[in-house]
Amino acid sequence: MSDTTELHQPSVAITGAGSGLGRALAIKLAAKGYRVFGTARSEQHVADLLEVSSGKVTLTLADITDQRAVTAWVNKVSEELGERGLDVLINNAGTLTPGPLEVIPLDDIRREFEVNVFGGLAVINGFLPALRKSRGRIVQIGAVTGPFPAPFDGPSSASKAAFEALADVYRAELKPFGIAFVMVQAGNMATGGPAKTAAALKRTADSMTAEQRALYGDVFAKFSDVLNAMQSAGLSAEASADRVIELVEQVPAPIRAALGDDAEQLLRLVREQSDAELDALRLQLIGAVDA
């Protein structure tokens, strides 16, 4: 590849690129000619993606809740890109802590916010100098539960809702620098998440005391069945990645975009229905009442 070609090669940084949606995005964007940098949580994921991408994807072991690890990764990528800057940041890393709010330990809820909110903020703020150089784009992978919080999904819903607000603030603050901020409102995705979600649901159920199980056990079991079925029937990693890449390259950049038909339908209901109607829908979605 010539120096001229390299100079114009677009670049992307992806958090949570070791598996699921992040992995699919890394592979597909590398195939499209992007310079791809990402974070992963295991050496196995790093080695796997290096092999699958024929060396076109550079992953770094990093926990985005560790400020020193984030700073080291950001500095490494920024130095490699130099004055060209970073074209796209895809903030994809996230976690899920399901369960009744009364049951979930506060430390677990704090951890959810550390990953889904504060970790994301650290990455965005770290890359802003590089994004200013390129007048680049931030693509935040959120969830439809941001605008439509769901029972037994309180910590995740609240953290996604927080980024809905942060997206509006960032979009206004970064507009003078030509940086676009795209909020992706994802529905159910079969991107490796279903198995993780099922395990998280089981951990919560197993951790309940006898009293908590008497209060929430039956309805939480129904919710678990509903959520596992919905996620297993969700968009594949490949289809989800294709849609996100469209948003990466769409001109002009959209402000918000649904990911999945289920997300589009639910967001339409959020716009059109009353609070009472949405509350009834929440109970239907978790299997607490008949549809």
Foldseek 3Di string as FASTA:
>chain_A
DDPVLVLPQAEEEEEQLLFFLNVLLQLVSLVVRYQYEYEHQDPVSQVVSCVSNVNSYHYDHAQLLDLVRLLVRLVVVDVVNDLQFHAEYEYDDADFAFAAPVQDDVVVLVVRLSTLPVSSVSNCVSRVVRCLSNLHEYEYEAALLLLQPAGRRVSNSVSSVVVVVVLVVCQVVCVVSNYYYEYEHEYAELGVVLVVLLVSLVVSLVPDDPVVCVVCVPLSVLLSVLNSVRNNPFHYSNQQSVVVVCQRPDPPRDHYDYRGPVSVVVVVCSVPDDPVVSVVVSCCSSVNDPD
